[in-house]
Amino acid sequence: MFDGSLRKPIDLATAPMGARLARAGVSANAVTLVGLALGLGAAMVIAFQGSLILALTLILASRIADGLDGAVARAHVGAGQKTDFGGYLDITCDFIFYGAIPLAFALRSPENALPAAALLTSFYINGATFLAYAIFSEKRGLAPREVDRARGDKSLHFTAGLAEGFETIAVFAAFCLWPASFAALSFAFAALCLASALARMALANRAFGGAK
C-alpha cells in the first residue's frame, strides 16, 4: 500500500551507502544474502525463546539490507552487474524471510500455530497472484501501470496491493512488540493479504481478457 510512496525516499537514503559498497567491490547479491541471514537469525531468536527486541532489531537490519541491495545493483549498472539472477535471488530471499517469521512464532508458542498457518496460507495465495501476474504481463508485453512504476526499476512486473513489504514489516514489528496479540494481528493481516490477492485477480481478469 505504501511501498510506492516510500520508494523515492528509500532510494535517496540508500544510494550513498550503495555506491560506497559498490566501490568496495561488494556485490548486490552478497547484500541480499546478508539480509536473508539477518532475517533467518531473527526467526531463530524468536523460535528459541530469545529476546523479541533482539529479533526486531535483526528484522529491521535485514530490511535495511534488502533496500541496500538495489542501491548496490544500480551503482554496478555500468559494470554490467545488474542481472536477472540478482532480481530472482532478491524476490526468492524475500519470500523465504516472509515465511520464516510466522513459522518462528508458531514454534515459539503452540497456540500461535493456527493463526500462523492462516497467515502463511494468505502469503502463499497473495504471492501466487503476484508472481503469476508478473509472468503473464511480461508474456504479453504489458507496460506497468503508473501506480506500479512508482515501485521503482524492478526485475519483474510489480503490481501494487493493499499488503506489500512495508505493511508486512510493520506487522512483524507488531508481533515482536505485542506478542500476546499475535493471533489477532495474524488473522487481520491474513484478511488484508487475501483482499490484495482478490484485487490482483480482478486486475488480471481485465488485463488478460478473462471472462466478461
N, C-alpha and C. Protein backbone atom coordinates (compact mmCIF):
# COMPACT_ATOMS: atom_id res chain seq x y z
N MET A 1 0.82 -1.21 0.00
CA MET A 1 0.00 0.00 0.00
C MET A 1 0.86 1.26 0.00
N PHE A 2 1.92 1.24 0.85
CA PHE A 2 2.77 2.42 0.98
C PHE A 2 4.13 2.29 0.28
N ASP A 3 4.39 1.12 -0.30
CA ASP A 3 5.72 0.90 -0.90
C ASP A 3 6.04 1.92 -1.99
N GLY A 4 5.05 2.27 -2.81
CA GLY A 4 5.30 3.21 -3.89
C GLY A 4 5.68 4.59 -3.39
N SER A 5 4.96 5.08 -2.36
CA SER A 5 5.25 6.41 -1.84
C SER A 5 6.56 6.45 -1.07
N LEU A 6 7.00 5.31 -0.56
CA LEU A 6 8.26 5.25 0.20
C LEU A 6 9.47 4.98 -0.69
N ARG A 7 9.23 4.58 -1.94
CA ARG A 7 10.32 4.15 -2.80
C ARG A 7 11.37 5.25 -3.02
N LYS A 8 10.91 6.45 -3.34
CA LYS A 8 11.86 7.53 -3.64
C LYS A 8 12.71 7.90 -2.43
N PRO A 9 12.12 8.15 -1.23
CA PRO A 9 12.97 8.46 -0.08
C PRO A 9 13.92 7.33 0.30
N ILE A 10 13.47 6.07 0.12
CA ILE A 10 14.35 4.95 0.43
C ILE A 10 15.53 4.93 -0.54
N ASP A 11 15.25 5.14 -1.83
CA ASP A 11 16.33 5.15 -2.82
C ASP A 11 17.33 6.28 -2.53
N LEU A 12 16.81 7.45 -2.15
CA LEU A 12 17.70 8.57 -1.84
C LEU A 12 18.56 8.28 -0.62
N ALA A 13 17.97 7.62 0.37
CA ALA A 13 18.70 7.33 1.61
C ALA A 13 19.76 6.25 1.42
N THR A 14 19.46 5.27 0.56
CA THR A 14 20.38 4.14 0.41
C THR A 14 21.42 4.34 -0.69
N ALA A 15 21.21 5.31 -1.58
CA ALA A 15 22.13 5.49 -2.71
C ALA A 15 23.58 5.73 -2.28
N PRO A 16 23.85 6.62 -1.31
CA PRO A 16 25.26 6.85 -0.95
C PRO A 16 25.95 5.60 -0.41
N MET A 17 25.28 4.87 0.50
CA MET A 17 25.88 3.66 1.04
C MET A 17 26.02 2.60 -0.05
N GLY A 18 25.03 2.51 -0.94
CA GLY A 18 25.12 1.55 -2.04
C GLY A 18 26.31 1.84 -2.93
N ALA A 19 26.56 3.12 -3.20
CA ALA A 19 27.70 3.49 -4.03
C ALA A 19 29.02 3.14 -3.35
N ARG A 20 29.09 3.37 -2.03
CA ARG A 20 30.33 3.04 -1.30
C ARG A 20 30.59 1.53 -1.30
N LEU A 21 29.52 0.75 -1.09
CA LEU A 21 29.69 -0.70 -1.10
C LEU A 21 30.11 -1.20 -2.48
N ALA A 22 29.53 -0.61 -3.52
CA ALA A 22 29.90 -1.00 -4.88
C ALA A 22 31.36 -0.69 -5.16
N ARG A 23 31.82 0.50 -4.72
CA ARG A 23 33.23 0.86 -4.93
C ARG A 23 34.16 -0.07 -4.17
N ALA A 24 33.67 -0.61 -3.05
CA ALA A 24 34.48 -1.54 -2.26
C ALA A 24 34.46 -2.95 -2.83
N GLY A 25 33.71 -3.14 -3.92
CA GLY A 25 33.68 -4.45 -4.56
C GLY A 25 32.61 -5.39 -4.03
N VAL A 26 31.70 -4.87 -3.20
CA VAL A 26 30.62 -5.70 -2.66
C VAL A 26 29.55 -5.84 -3.72
N SER A 27 29.08 -7.05 -3.93
CA SER A 27 28.04 -7.28 -4.94
C SER A 27 26.65 -7.14 -4.32
N ALA A 28 25.69 -6.82 -5.17
CA ALA A 28 24.31 -6.73 -4.70
C ALA A 28 23.82 -8.08 -4.18
N ASN A 29 24.23 -9.17 -4.82
CA ASN A 29 23.81 -10.50 -4.37
C ASN A 29 24.31 -10.80 -2.97
N ALA A 30 25.52 -10.35 -2.66
CA ALA A 30 26.06 -10.56 -1.32
C ALA A 30 25.23 -9.82 -0.28
N VAL A 31 24.83 -8.61 -0.60
CA VAL A 31 23.99 -7.83 0.32
C VAL A 31 22.64 -8.51 0.51
N THR A 32 22.07 -9.03 -0.58
CA THR A 32 20.80 -9.77 -0.50
C THR A 32 20.92 -10.95 0.45
N LEU A 33 22.01 -11.70 0.34
CA LEU A 33 22.19 -12.88 1.18
C LEU A 33 22.45 -12.50 2.64
N VAL A 34 23.13 -11.39 2.87
CA VAL A 34 23.31 -10.90 4.24
C VAL A 34 21.94 -10.55 4.84
N GLY A 35 21.09 -9.91 4.04
CA GLY A 35 19.76 -9.58 4.51
C GLY A 35 18.96 -10.82 4.88
N LEU A 36 19.07 -11.86 4.05
CA LEU A 36 18.38 -13.12 4.36
C LEU A 36 18.93 -13.73 5.65
N ALA A 37 20.25 -13.73 5.80
CA ALA A 37 20.86 -14.29 7.00
C ALA A 37 20.38 -13.56 8.26
N LEU A 38 20.28 -12.25 8.19
CA LEU A 38 19.78 -11.49 9.33
C LEU A 38 18.33 -11.84 9.63
N GLY A 39 17.52 -11.97 8.57
CA GLY A 39 16.12 -12.33 8.76
C GLY A 39 15.96 -13.71 9.36
N LEU A 40 16.75 -14.68 8.88
CA LEU A 40 16.68 -16.03 9.44
C LEU A 40 17.23 -16.06 10.86
N GLY A 41 18.20 -15.18 11.14
CA GLY A 41 18.69 -15.05 12.52
C GLY A 41 17.58 -14.57 13.44
N ALA A 42 16.78 -13.61 12.96
CA ALA A 42 15.64 -13.14 13.74
C ALA A 42 14.65 -14.27 14.00
N ALA A 43 14.40 -15.08 12.97
CA ALA A 43 13.48 -16.21 13.13
C ALA A 43 13.99 -17.20 14.17
N MET A 44 15.30 -17.45 14.18
CA MET A 44 15.87 -18.37 15.17
C MET A 44 15.75 -17.82 16.58
N VAL A 45 15.99 -16.52 16.73
CA VAL A 45 15.85 -15.90 18.05
C VAL A 45 14.41 -16.05 18.55
N ILE A 46 13.45 -15.82 17.67
CA ILE A 46 12.04 -15.95 18.04
C ILE A 46 11.71 -17.39 18.41
N ALA A 47 12.09 -18.32 17.54
CA ALA A 47 11.71 -19.72 17.74
C ALA A 47 12.31 -20.32 19.01
N PHE A 48 13.52 -19.89 19.37
CA PHE A 48 14.20 -20.46 20.53
C PHE A 48 14.05 -19.61 21.78
N GLN A 49 12.92 -18.89 21.85
CA GLN A 49 12.54 -18.16 23.07
C GLN A 49 13.51 -17.02 23.41
N GLY A 50 14.15 -16.47 22.41
CA GLY A 50 15.07 -15.36 22.65
C GLY A 50 14.34 -14.03 22.80
N SER A 51 15.13 -12.98 22.95
CA SER A 51 14.59 -11.63 23.14
C SER A 51 13.88 -11.16 21.86
N LEU A 52 12.63 -10.75 22.00
CA LEU A 52 11.89 -10.26 20.85
C LEU A 52 12.38 -8.89 20.40
N ILE A 53 13.00 -8.14 21.30
CA ILE A 53 13.59 -6.86 20.90
C ILE A 53 14.81 -7.12 20.02
N LEU A 54 15.61 -8.13 20.38
CA LEU A 54 16.74 -8.51 19.52
C LEU A 54 16.22 -8.99 18.17
N ALA A 55 15.15 -9.78 18.19
CA ALA A 55 14.58 -10.27 16.93
C ALA A 55 14.11 -9.10 16.06
N LEU A 56 13.47 -8.12 16.69
CA LEU A 56 13.00 -6.95 15.93
C LEU A 56 14.18 -6.19 15.35
N THR A 57 15.24 -6.05 16.10
CA THR A 57 16.44 -5.37 15.61
C THR A 57 17.00 -6.08 14.38
N LEU A 58 17.04 -7.41 14.43
CA LEU A 58 17.55 -8.18 13.29
C LEU A 58 16.61 -8.08 12.09
N ILE A 59 15.30 -8.05 12.34
CA ILE A 59 14.34 -7.89 11.25
C ILE A 59 14.56 -6.56 10.54
N LEU A 60 14.70 -5.50 11.33
CA LEU A 60 14.91 -4.17 10.73
C LEU A 60 16.24 -4.10 9.98
N ALA A 61 17.29 -4.72 10.56
CA ALA A 61 18.59 -4.75 9.88
C ALA A 61 18.49 -5.52 8.56
N SER A 62 17.71 -6.61 8.59
CA SER A 62 17.50 -7.40 7.38
C SER A 62 16.85 -6.58 6.28
N ARG A 63 15.87 -5.77 6.66
CA ARG A 63 15.15 -4.97 5.65
C ARG A 63 16.00 -3.79 5.17
N ILE A 64 16.91 -3.30 6.01
CA ILE A 64 17.85 -2.28 5.54
C ILE A 64 18.73 -2.87 4.44
N ALA A 65 19.20 -4.10 4.68
CA ALA A 65 20.00 -4.78 3.66
C ALA A 65 19.18 -5.01 2.40
N ASP A 66 17.90 -5.32 2.57
CA ASP A 66 17.02 -5.54 1.42
C ASP A 66 16.87 -4.27 0.58
N GLY A 67 16.90 -3.12 1.24
CA GLY A 67 16.86 -1.86 0.50
C GLY A 67 18.21 -1.52 -0.12
N LEU A 68 19.28 -1.91 0.56
CA LEU A 68 20.62 -1.59 0.06
C LEU A 68 21.01 -2.39 -1.17
N ASP A 69 20.51 -3.61 -1.29
CA ASP A 69 20.96 -4.43 -2.43
C ASP A 69 20.59 -3.78 -3.76
N GLY A 70 19.42 -3.14 -3.81
CA GLY A 70 19.04 -2.45 -5.03
C GLY A 70 19.95 -1.27 -5.32
N ALA A 71 20.34 -0.54 -4.25
CA ALA A 71 21.24 0.60 -4.43
C ALA A 71 22.61 0.14 -4.94
N VAL A 72 23.09 -0.99 -4.41
CA VAL A 72 24.36 -1.54 -4.87
C VAL A 72 24.25 -1.98 -6.33
N ALA A 73 23.13 -2.63 -6.68
CA ALA A 73 22.93 -3.07 -8.06
C ALA A 73 22.91 -1.89 -9.02
N ARG A 74 22.22 -0.82 -8.63
CA ARG A 74 22.17 0.36 -9.51
C ARG A 74 23.54 0.99 -9.66
N ALA A 75 24.34 0.97 -8.59
CA ALA A 75 25.69 1.53 -8.67
C ALA A 75 26.59 0.69 -9.57
N HIS A 76 26.26 -0.60 -9.69
CA HIS A 76 27.06 -1.51 -10.51
C HIS A 76 26.58 -1.59 -11.96
N VAL A 77 25.51 -0.86 -12.30
CA VAL A 77 24.92 -0.98 -13.63
C VAL A 77 25.96 -0.78 -14.72
N GLY A 78 26.82 0.21 -14.55
CA GLY A 78 27.84 0.50 -15.56
C GLY A 78 28.81 -0.64 -15.74
N ALA A 79 28.97 -1.45 -14.70
CA ALA A 79 29.89 -2.59 -14.79
C ALA A 79 29.17 -3.86 -15.23
N GLY A 80 27.89 -3.74 -15.55
CA GLY A 80 27.14 -4.90 -16.04
C GLY A 80 26.78 -5.90 -14.97
N GLN A 81 26.69 -5.47 -13.70
CA GLN A 81 26.44 -6.41 -12.63
C GLN A 81 24.98 -6.46 -12.19
N LYS A 82 24.10 -5.71 -12.84
CA LYS A 82 22.68 -5.80 -12.53
C LYS A 82 22.10 -6.90 -13.40
N THR A 83 21.76 -8.04 -12.81
CA THR A 83 21.41 -9.22 -13.58
C THR A 83 20.01 -9.72 -13.23
N ASP A 84 19.47 -10.53 -14.14
CA ASP A 84 18.19 -11.18 -13.86
C ASP A 84 18.31 -12.10 -12.65
N PHE A 85 19.46 -12.75 -12.50
CA PHE A 85 19.63 -13.62 -11.33
C PHE A 85 19.56 -12.82 -10.04
N GLY A 86 20.09 -11.60 -10.06
CA GLY A 86 20.01 -10.76 -8.87
C GLY A 86 18.57 -10.48 -8.48
N GLY A 87 17.73 -10.18 -9.48
CA GLY A 87 16.32 -9.97 -9.21
C GLY A 87 15.64 -11.23 -8.71
N TYR A 88 15.99 -12.36 -9.32
CA TYR A 88 15.45 -13.65 -8.89
C TYR A 88 15.84 -13.95 -7.44
N LEU A 89 17.12 -13.74 -7.13
CA LEU A 89 17.60 -14.01 -5.77
C LEU A 89 16.91 -13.11 -4.76
N ASP A 90 16.71 -11.86 -5.11
CA ASP A 90 16.09 -10.90 -4.21
C ASP A 90 14.66 -11.32 -3.85
N ILE A 91 13.84 -11.63 -4.85
CA ILE A 91 12.45 -12.00 -4.58
C ILE A 91 12.37 -13.34 -3.85
N THR A 92 13.27 -14.28 -4.18
CA THR A 92 13.29 -15.57 -3.50
C THR A 92 13.63 -15.41 -2.02
N CYS A 93 14.64 -14.60 -1.73
CA CYS A 93 15.03 -14.38 -0.33
C CYS A 93 13.93 -13.66 0.44
N ASP A 94 13.24 -12.74 -0.22
CA ASP A 94 12.12 -12.06 0.43
C ASP A 94 11.05 -13.07 0.85
N PHE A 95 10.70 -13.98 -0.04
CA PHE A 95 9.67 -14.96 0.27
C PHE A 95 10.11 -15.90 1.38
N ILE A 96 11.38 -16.29 1.40
CA ILE A 96 11.89 -17.13 2.48
C ILE A 96 11.76 -16.40 3.82
N PHE A 97 12.16 -15.16 3.84
CA PHE A 97 12.08 -14.35 5.07
C PHE A 97 10.64 -14.19 5.53
N TYR A 98 9.74 -13.86 4.59
CA TYR A 98 8.34 -13.64 4.97
C TYR A 98 7.71 -14.91 5.55
N GLY A 99 8.13 -16.07 5.07
CA GLY A 99 7.61 -17.31 5.62
C GLY A 99 8.22 -17.69 6.96
N ALA A 100 9.49 -17.33 7.16
CA ALA A 100 10.22 -17.77 8.35
C ALA A 100 9.70 -17.13 9.63
N ILE A 101 9.29 -15.87 9.58
CA ILE A 101 8.90 -15.18 10.81
C ILE A 101 7.61 -15.73 11.41
N PRO A 102 6.51 -15.88 10.64
CA PRO A 102 5.32 -16.51 11.23
C PRO A 102 5.59 -17.94 11.72
N LEU A 103 6.38 -18.70 10.96
CA LEU A 103 6.73 -20.05 11.39
C LEU A 103 7.46 -20.02 12.73
N ALA A 104 8.37 -19.06 12.89
CA ALA A 104 9.12 -18.95 14.14
C ALA A 104 8.20 -18.68 15.32
N PHE A 105 7.18 -17.84 15.13
CA PHE A 105 6.24 -17.57 16.22
C PHE A 105 5.40 -18.80 16.55
N ALA A 106 5.09 -19.62 15.54
CA ALA A 106 4.37 -20.86 15.79
C ALA A 106 5.24 -21.83 16.59
N LEU A 107 6.53 -21.88 16.29
CA LEU A 107 7.44 -22.74 17.04
C LEU A 107 7.64 -22.23 18.46
N ARG A 108 7.59 -20.93 18.63
CA ARG A 108 7.79 -20.33 19.95
C ARG A 108 6.63 -20.66 20.90
N SER A 109 5.40 -20.61 20.36
CA SER A 109 4.21 -20.83 21.18
C SER A 109 3.22 -21.67 20.39
N PRO A 110 2.91 -22.87 20.84
CA PRO A 110 1.99 -23.75 20.11
C PRO A 110 0.64 -23.11 19.83
N GLU A 111 0.17 -22.23 20.70
CA GLU A 111 -1.13 -21.59 20.47
C GLU A 111 -1.11 -20.66 19.26
N ASN A 112 0.09 -20.35 18.76
CA ASN A 112 0.21 -19.50 17.57
C ASN A 112 0.11 -20.29 16.28
N ALA A 113 0.00 -21.61 16.38
CA ALA A 113 0.08 -22.45 15.17
C ALA A 113 -1.04 -22.14 14.17
N LEU A 114 -2.28 -22.08 14.64
CA LEU A 114 -3.39 -21.84 13.71
C LEU A 114 -3.31 -20.46 13.06
N PRO A 115 -3.16 -19.36 13.83
CA PRO A 115 -3.05 -18.06 13.16
C PRO A 115 -1.83 -17.96 12.25
N ALA A 116 -0.72 -18.61 12.63
CA ALA A 116 0.46 -18.59 11.76
C ALA A 116 0.17 -19.33 10.46
N ALA A 117 -0.54 -20.46 10.55
CA ALA A 117 -0.89 -21.21 9.35
C ALA A 117 -1.81 -20.40 8.45
N ALA A 118 -2.77 -19.70 9.05
CA ALA A 118 -3.68 -18.86 8.26
C ALA A 118 -2.91 -17.75 7.56
N LEU A 119 -1.96 -17.14 8.27
CA LEU A 119 -1.17 -16.06 7.68
C LEU A 119 -0.28 -16.58 6.56
N LEU A 120 0.36 -17.72 6.78
CA LEU A 120 1.22 -18.28 5.74
C LEU A 120 0.42 -18.68 4.50
N THR A 121 -0.80 -19.19 4.71
CA THR A 121 -1.66 -19.51 3.57
C THR A 121 -2.00 -18.27 2.77
N SER A 122 -2.30 -17.17 3.47
CA SER A 122 -2.61 -15.92 2.77
C SER A 122 -1.39 -15.39 2.03
N PHE A 123 -0.18 -15.57 2.61
CA PHE A 123 1.05 -15.18 1.91
C PHE A 123 1.20 -16.00 0.62
N TYR A 124 0.92 -17.30 0.72
CA TYR A 124 1.05 -18.19 -0.43
C TYR A 124 0.11 -17.75 -1.55
N ILE A 125 -1.13 -17.46 -1.20
CA ILE A 125 -2.11 -17.04 -2.21
C ILE A 125 -1.73 -15.69 -2.81
N ASN A 126 -1.39 -14.75 -1.95
CA ASN A 126 -1.02 -13.41 -2.43
C ASN A 126 0.23 -13.48 -3.31
N GLY A 127 1.21 -14.27 -2.87
CA GLY A 127 2.44 -14.41 -3.66
C GLY A 127 2.19 -15.06 -5.00
N ALA A 128 1.27 -16.04 -5.04
CA ALA A 128 0.96 -16.71 -6.31
C ALA A 128 0.33 -15.73 -7.29
N THR A 129 -0.59 -14.89 -6.81
CA THR A 129 -1.22 -13.92 -7.72
C THR A 129 -0.21 -12.88 -8.19
N PHE A 130 0.70 -12.51 -7.31
CA PHE A 130 1.73 -11.53 -7.65
C PHE A 130 2.67 -12.06 -8.73
N LEU A 131 3.18 -13.28 -8.52
CA LEU A 131 4.15 -13.83 -9.47
C LEU A 131 3.49 -14.23 -10.78
N ALA A 132 2.27 -14.78 -10.71
CA ALA A 132 1.57 -15.15 -11.95
C ALA A 132 1.28 -13.91 -12.78
N TYR A 133 0.87 -12.83 -12.13
CA TYR A 133 0.61 -11.59 -12.88
C TYR A 133 1.89 -11.10 -13.55
N ALA A 134 3.01 -11.18 -12.84
CA ALA A 134 4.29 -10.74 -13.41
C ALA A 134 4.64 -11.57 -14.64
N ILE A 135 4.41 -12.88 -14.57
CA ILE A 135 4.75 -13.77 -15.69
C ILE A 135 3.93 -13.43 -16.93
N PHE A 136 2.61 -13.32 -16.75
CA PHE A 136 1.75 -13.14 -17.92
C PHE A 136 1.78 -11.71 -18.46
N SER A 137 2.04 -10.74 -17.59
CA SER A 137 2.18 -9.38 -18.10
C SER A 137 3.45 -9.25 -18.93
N GLU A 138 4.52 -9.96 -18.51
CA GLU A 138 5.75 -9.98 -19.30
C GLU A 138 5.51 -10.69 -20.64
N LYS A 139 4.77 -11.80 -20.59
CA LYS A 139 4.48 -12.55 -21.80
C LYS A 139 3.73 -11.70 -22.82
N ARG A 140 2.82 -10.86 -22.32
CA ARG A 140 2.01 -10.03 -23.20
C ARG A 140 2.67 -8.67 -23.50
N GLY A 141 3.79 -8.39 -22.87
CA GLY A 141 4.47 -7.13 -23.10
C GLY A 141 3.70 -5.94 -22.57
N LEU A 142 2.97 -6.13 -21.48
CA LEU A 142 2.18 -5.04 -20.92
C LEU A 142 3.06 -4.04 -20.19
N ALA A 143 2.83 -2.78 -20.41
CA ALA A 143 3.57 -1.74 -19.70
C ALA A 143 3.04 -1.62 -18.27
N PRO A 144 3.92 -1.42 -17.28
CA PRO A 144 3.45 -1.25 -15.91
C PRO A 144 2.53 -0.03 -15.78
N ARG A 145 1.54 -0.15 -14.92
CA ARG A 145 0.69 0.99 -14.63
C ARG A 145 1.50 2.04 -13.87
N GLU A 146 0.99 3.28 -13.86
CA GLU A 146 1.71 4.35 -13.15
C GLU A 146 1.91 4.00 -11.69
N VAL A 147 0.88 3.43 -11.04
CA VAL A 147 0.99 3.09 -9.63
C VAL A 147 2.04 2.00 -9.41
N ASP A 148 2.26 1.15 -10.41
CA ASP A 148 3.29 0.11 -10.30
C ASP A 148 4.68 0.66 -10.58
N ARG A 149 4.77 1.62 -11.52
CA ARG A 149 6.07 2.23 -11.82
C ARG A 149 6.63 2.97 -10.62
N ALA A 150 5.76 3.40 -9.70
CA ALA A 150 6.22 4.11 -8.51
C ALA A 150 7.07 3.23 -7.61
N ARG A 151 7.02 1.90 -7.82
CA ARG A 151 7.83 0.98 -7.02
C ARG A 151 9.28 0.93 -7.48
N GLY A 152 9.62 1.69 -8.52
CA GLY A 152 11.00 1.78 -8.98
C GLY A 152 11.31 0.77 -10.08
N ASP A 153 12.58 0.74 -10.46
CA ASP A 153 13.07 -0.13 -11.52
C ASP A 153 13.24 -1.53 -10.97
N LYS A 154 12.29 -2.41 -11.26
CA LYS A 154 12.31 -3.76 -10.72
C LYS A 154 12.67 -4.77 -11.79
N SER A 155 13.11 -5.95 -11.35
CA SER A 155 13.48 -7.00 -12.30
C SER A 155 12.26 -7.71 -12.87
N LEU A 156 11.11 -7.57 -12.22
CA LEU A 156 9.88 -8.13 -12.75
C LEU A 156 8.75 -7.14 -12.52
N HIS A 157 7.58 -7.46 -13.09
CA HIS A 157 6.44 -6.54 -13.08
C HIS A 157 5.80 -6.55 -11.69
N PHE A 158 6.05 -5.50 -10.90
CA PHE A 158 5.46 -5.39 -9.57
C PHE A 158 4.08 -4.76 -9.68
N THR A 159 3.09 -5.38 -9.05
CA THR A 159 1.75 -4.79 -9.01
C THR A 159 1.46 -4.33 -7.59
N ALA A 160 0.88 -3.14 -7.48
CA ALA A 160 0.54 -2.59 -6.18
C ALA A 160 -0.54 -3.43 -5.51
N GLY A 161 -0.54 -3.41 -4.18
CA GLY A 161 -1.55 -4.15 -3.42
C GLY A 161 -1.74 -3.54 -2.05
N LEU A 162 -2.77 -3.99 -1.35
CA LEU A 162 -3.02 -3.49 0.00
C LEU A 162 -1.94 -3.98 0.96
N ALA A 163 -1.48 -5.21 0.76
CA ALA A 163 -0.46 -5.81 1.63
C ALA A 163 0.84 -5.94 0.85
N GLU A 164 1.80 -5.08 1.16
CA GLU A 164 3.09 -5.10 0.48
C GLU A 164 4.20 -5.20 1.52
N GLY A 165 5.42 -4.88 1.12
CA GLY A 165 6.55 -5.05 2.01
C GLY A 165 6.46 -4.22 3.27
N PHE A 166 6.12 -2.93 3.15
CA PHE A 166 6.07 -2.07 4.33
C PHE A 166 5.07 -2.59 5.35
N GLU A 167 3.88 -2.96 4.87
CA GLU A 167 2.84 -3.44 5.79
C GLU A 167 3.26 -4.75 6.46
N THR A 168 3.94 -5.61 5.71
CA THR A 168 4.39 -6.88 6.28
C THR A 168 5.40 -6.66 7.40
N ILE A 169 6.35 -5.77 7.17
CA ILE A 169 7.36 -5.49 8.20
C ILE A 169 6.72 -4.81 9.40
N ALA A 170 5.74 -3.95 9.17
CA ALA A 170 5.04 -3.31 10.28
C ALA A 170 4.33 -4.35 11.14
N VAL A 171 3.72 -5.35 10.51
CA VAL A 171 3.05 -6.41 11.25
C VAL A 171 4.07 -7.27 12.00
N PHE A 172 5.19 -7.60 11.36
CA PHE A 172 6.24 -8.37 12.04
C PHE A 172 6.75 -7.61 13.26
N ALA A 173 6.91 -6.30 13.12
CA ALA A 173 7.35 -5.49 14.26
C ALA A 173 6.31 -5.55 15.37
N ALA A 174 5.04 -5.48 15.00
CA ALA A 174 3.97 -5.56 16.00
C ALA A 174 3.97 -6.91 16.71
N PHE A 175 4.28 -7.99 15.97
CA PHE A 175 4.39 -9.30 16.61
C PHE A 175 5.42 -9.27 17.73
N CYS A 176 6.56 -8.63 17.45
CA CYS A 176 7.65 -8.59 18.43
C CYS A 176 7.32 -7.69 19.61
N LEU A 177 6.62 -6.60 19.36
CA LEU A 177 6.31 -5.65 20.43
C LEU A 177 5.11 -6.09 21.27
N TRP A 178 4.15 -6.76 20.63
CA TRP A 178 2.94 -7.20 21.34
C TRP A 178 2.66 -8.67 21.01
N PRO A 179 3.51 -9.58 21.50
CA PRO A 179 3.36 -10.99 21.13
C PRO A 179 2.03 -11.60 21.56
N ALA A 180 1.43 -11.06 22.60
CA ALA A 180 0.13 -11.59 23.04
C ALA A 180 -0.96 -11.35 22.01
N SER A 181 -0.75 -10.41 21.12
CA SER A 181 -1.73 -10.08 20.08
C SER A 181 -1.42 -10.78 18.76
N PHE A 182 -0.55 -11.78 18.79
CA PHE A 182 -0.13 -12.44 17.55
C PHE A 182 -1.33 -12.97 16.76
N ALA A 183 -2.25 -13.64 17.43
CA ALA A 183 -3.38 -14.26 16.73
C ALA A 183 -4.24 -13.20 16.05
N ALA A 184 -4.61 -12.16 16.80
CA ALA A 184 -5.48 -11.12 16.23
C ALA A 184 -4.79 -10.41 15.06
N LEU A 185 -3.52 -10.10 15.22
CA LEU A 185 -2.77 -9.43 14.16
C LEU A 185 -2.64 -10.32 12.93
N SER A 186 -2.40 -11.61 13.16
CA SER A 186 -2.23 -12.54 12.04
C SER A 186 -3.51 -12.69 11.23
N PHE A 187 -4.63 -12.88 11.92
CA PHE A 187 -5.89 -13.04 11.19
C PHE A 187 -6.26 -11.76 10.44
N ALA A 188 -6.00 -10.60 11.07
CA ALA A 188 -6.32 -9.33 10.41
C ALA A 188 -5.45 -9.13 9.17
N PHE A 189 -4.16 -9.43 9.29
CA PHE A 189 -3.28 -9.22 8.14
C PHE A 189 -3.53 -10.28 7.07
N ALA A 190 -3.91 -11.49 7.48
CA ALA A 190 -4.26 -12.52 6.50
C ALA A 190 -5.45 -12.05 5.66
N ALA A 191 -6.42 -11.41 6.30
CA ALA A 191 -7.57 -10.89 5.57
C ALA A 191 -7.14 -9.82 4.57
N LEU A 192 -6.19 -8.97 4.99
CA LEU A 192 -5.70 -7.92 4.09
C LEU A 192 -4.94 -8.53 2.90
N CYS A 193 -4.17 -9.57 3.16
CA CYS A 193 -3.45 -10.25 2.07
C CYS A 193 -4.42 -10.89 1.08
N LEU A 194 -5.48 -11.49 1.61
CA LEU A 194 -6.47 -12.11 0.72
C LEU A 194 -7.21 -11.06 -0.09
N ALA A 195 -7.50 -9.92 0.52
CA ALA A 195 -8.13 -8.82 -0.23
C ALA A 195 -7.20 -8.34 -1.34
N SER A 196 -5.91 -8.28 -1.05
CA SER A 196 -4.92 -7.89 -2.06
C SER A 196 -4.90 -8.88 -3.21
N ALA A 197 -4.95 -10.18 -2.87
CA ALA A 197 -4.94 -11.22 -3.89
C ALA A 197 -6.19 -11.14 -4.76
N LEU A 198 -7.34 -10.93 -4.15
CA LEU A 198 -8.58 -10.84 -4.92
C LEU A 198 -8.56 -9.63 -5.87
N ALA A 199 -8.02 -8.51 -5.37
CA ALA A 199 -7.92 -7.31 -6.22
C ALA A 199 -7.00 -7.58 -7.40
N ARG A 200 -5.91 -8.29 -7.16
CA ARG A 200 -4.97 -8.58 -8.25
C ARG A 200 -5.59 -9.56 -9.26
N MET A 201 -6.39 -10.49 -8.76
CA MET A 201 -7.09 -11.41 -9.67
C MET A 201 -8.08 -10.65 -10.56
N ALA A 202 -8.76 -9.67 -9.97
CA ALA A 202 -9.68 -8.85 -10.77
C ALA A 202 -8.91 -8.04 -11.82
N LEU A 203 -7.73 -7.54 -11.43
CA LEU A 203 -6.88 -6.81 -12.38
C LEU A 203 -6.43 -7.73 -13.51
N ALA A 204 -6.04 -8.95 -13.17
CA ALA A 204 -5.62 -9.91 -14.18
C ALA A 204 -6.75 -10.26 -15.14
N ASN A 205 -7.96 -10.36 -14.61
CA ASN A 205 -9.12 -10.66 -15.45
C ASN A 205 -9.32 -9.56 -16.50
N ARG A 206 -9.12 -8.31 -16.09
CA ARG A 206 -9.25 -7.20 -17.04
C ARG A 206 -8.07 -7.14 -18.00
N ALA A 207 -6.86 -7.32 -17.47
CA ALA A 207 -5.65 -7.16 -18.28
C ALA A 207 -5.46 -8.30 -19.28
N PHE A 208 -5.86 -9.51 -18.91
CA PHE A 208 -5.56 -10.67 -19.74
C PHE A 208 -6.80 -11.19 -20.50
N GLY A 209 -7.87 -10.39 -20.50
CA GLY A 209 -9.03 -10.77 -21.29
C GLY A 209 -9.79 -11.95 -20.75
N GLY A 210 -10.07 -11.92 -19.44
CA GLY A 210 -10.81 -13.01 -18.82
C GLY A 210 -12.28 -12.97 -19.18
N ALA A 211 -13.05 -13.82 -18.48
CA ALA A 211 -14.48 -13.92 -18.74
C ALA A 211 -15.17 -12.61 -18.41
N LYS A 212 -16.12 -12.22 -19.24
CA LYS A 212 -16.85 -10.98 -19.04
C LYS A 212 -18.13 -11.24 -18.26
